């Protein structure tokens, strides 16, 4: 199983393809407004409204390779329950 080292952390590739409905390239909130749940709210609303009539589950959300802060946000909001999240 290929392993990529990224920022001191390890990203693993699954052997089984995993469906992603939504891709997140970046989630940015002004520094003076961070840690207030704004990014989490934006992601939730995006998942609910991306596809009319379908609310995409957090586990169906994939990220580009994020920064350390982005990695923490992805794991907290779209994690797969084992500390991992989808990366595209």
Protein backbone atom coordinates (compact mmCIF):
# COMPACT_ATOMS: atom_id res chain seq x y z
CA UNK A 1 0.00 0.00 0.00
CA UNK A 2 1.63 3.27 -1.10
CA UNK A 3 2.30 5.75 1.67
CA UNK A 4 2.99 9.46 1.19
CA UNK A 5 4.69 11.51 3.87
CA UNK A 6 3.10 14.93 4.12
CA UNK A 7 4.07 17.58 6.65
CA UNK A 8 5.28 15.01 9.15
CA UNK A 9 2.02 13.08 8.85
CA UNK A 10 1.27 10.05 6.75
CA UNK A 11 -1.47 9.79 4.14
CA UNK A 12 -2.50 6.25 3.23
CA UNK A 13 -4.20 4.99 0.14
CA UNK A 14 -7.06 2.56 0.54
CA UNK A 15 -7.17 -0.56 -1.58
CA UNK A 16 -10.88 -0.10 -2.29
CA UNK A 17 -12.16 2.92 -4.25
CA UNK A 18 -14.26 5.21 -2.05
CA UNK A 19 -17.04 7.39 -3.43
CA UNK A 20 -16.74 11.15 -3.01
CA UNK A 21 -19.60 13.45 -3.97
CA UNK A 22 -17.99 16.75 -3.05
CA UNK A 23 -14.41 17.99 -3.23
CA UNK A 24 -12.98 20.76 -1.07
CA UNK A 25 -9.99 22.64 -2.44
CA UNK A 26 -9.74 25.12 0.43
CA UNK A 27 -11.69 26.40 3.40
CA UNK A 28 -10.53 29.82 4.52
CA UNK A 29 -11.80 32.04 7.33
CA UNK A 30 -10.23 35.37 8.26
CA UNK A 31 -7.82 34.90 11.19
CA UNK A 32 -9.82 37.17 13.51
CA UNK A 33 -12.92 35.01 13.00
CA UNK A 34 -11.40 31.54 13.32
CA UNK A 35 -12.32 28.99 16.01
CA UNK A 36 -15.97 30.12 15.94
CA UNK A 37 -17.39 27.29 13.86
CA UNK A 38 -17.66 29.33 10.65
CA UNK A 39 -15.75 26.85 8.44
CA UNK A 40 -17.72 23.95 9.91
CA UNK A 41 -20.99 25.75 9.14
CA UNK A 42 -19.86 26.60 5.59
CA UNK A 43 -18.96 22.95 4.94
CA UNK A 44 -22.27 21.70 6.34
CA UNK A 45 -24.29 24.10 4.18
CA UNK A 46 -22.22 23.21 1.09
CA UNK A 47 -22.87 19.48 1.68
CA UNK A 48 -26.60 20.13 2.12
CA UNK A 49 -26.98 22.31 -1.00
CA UNK A 50 -24.43 21.04 -3.52
CA UNK A 51 -26.80 18.55 -5.15
CA UNK A 52 -30.49 19.56 -5.15
CA UNK A 53 -32.55 17.03 -3.19
CA UNK A 54 -29.49 15.24 -1.76
CA UNK A 55 -27.50 16.07 1.37
CA UNK A 56 -24.02 14.66 0.90
CA UNK A 57 -22.69 12.87 3.98
CA UNK A 58 -19.50 14.18 5.58
CA UNK A 59 -17.79 10.88 4.69
CA UNK A 60 -18.50 11.59 0.98
CA UNK A 61 -16.39 14.75 1.08
CA UNK A 62 -12.83 14.67 -0.26
CA UNK A 63 -10.09 17.27 0.21
CA UNK A 64 -7.02 18.31 -1.73
CA UNK A 65 -3.91 17.80 0.37
CA UNK A 66 -4.59 20.36 3.09
CA UNK A 67 -2.39 22.46 5.34
CA UNK A 68 -2.02 21.34 8.96
CA UNK A 69 -4.98 23.53 9.97
CA UNK A 70 -6.97 22.20 7.01
CA UNK A 71 -6.07 18.65 7.97
CA UNK A 72 -7.44 19.24 11.47
CA UNK A 73 -10.65 20.72 10.01
CA UNK A 74 -11.05 17.85 7.54
CA UNK A 75 -10.54 15.21 10.22
CA UNK A 76 -12.98 16.96 12.57
CA UNK A 77 -15.74 17.67 10.04
CA UNK A 78 -15.37 14.96 7.37
CA UNK A 79 -13.46 12.23 9.14
CA UNK A 80 -14.17 8.58 8.47
CA UNK A 81 -14.20 7.69 12.17
CA UNK A 82 -10.62 6.46 12.28
CA UNK A 83 -8.82 9.80 12.10
CA UNK A 84 -8.66 9.73 8.30
CA UNK A 85 -10.52 11.57 5.55
CA UNK A 86 -10.74 11.33 1.77
CA UNK A 87 -8.08 13.08 -0.32
CA UNK A 88 -8.29 13.63 -4.07
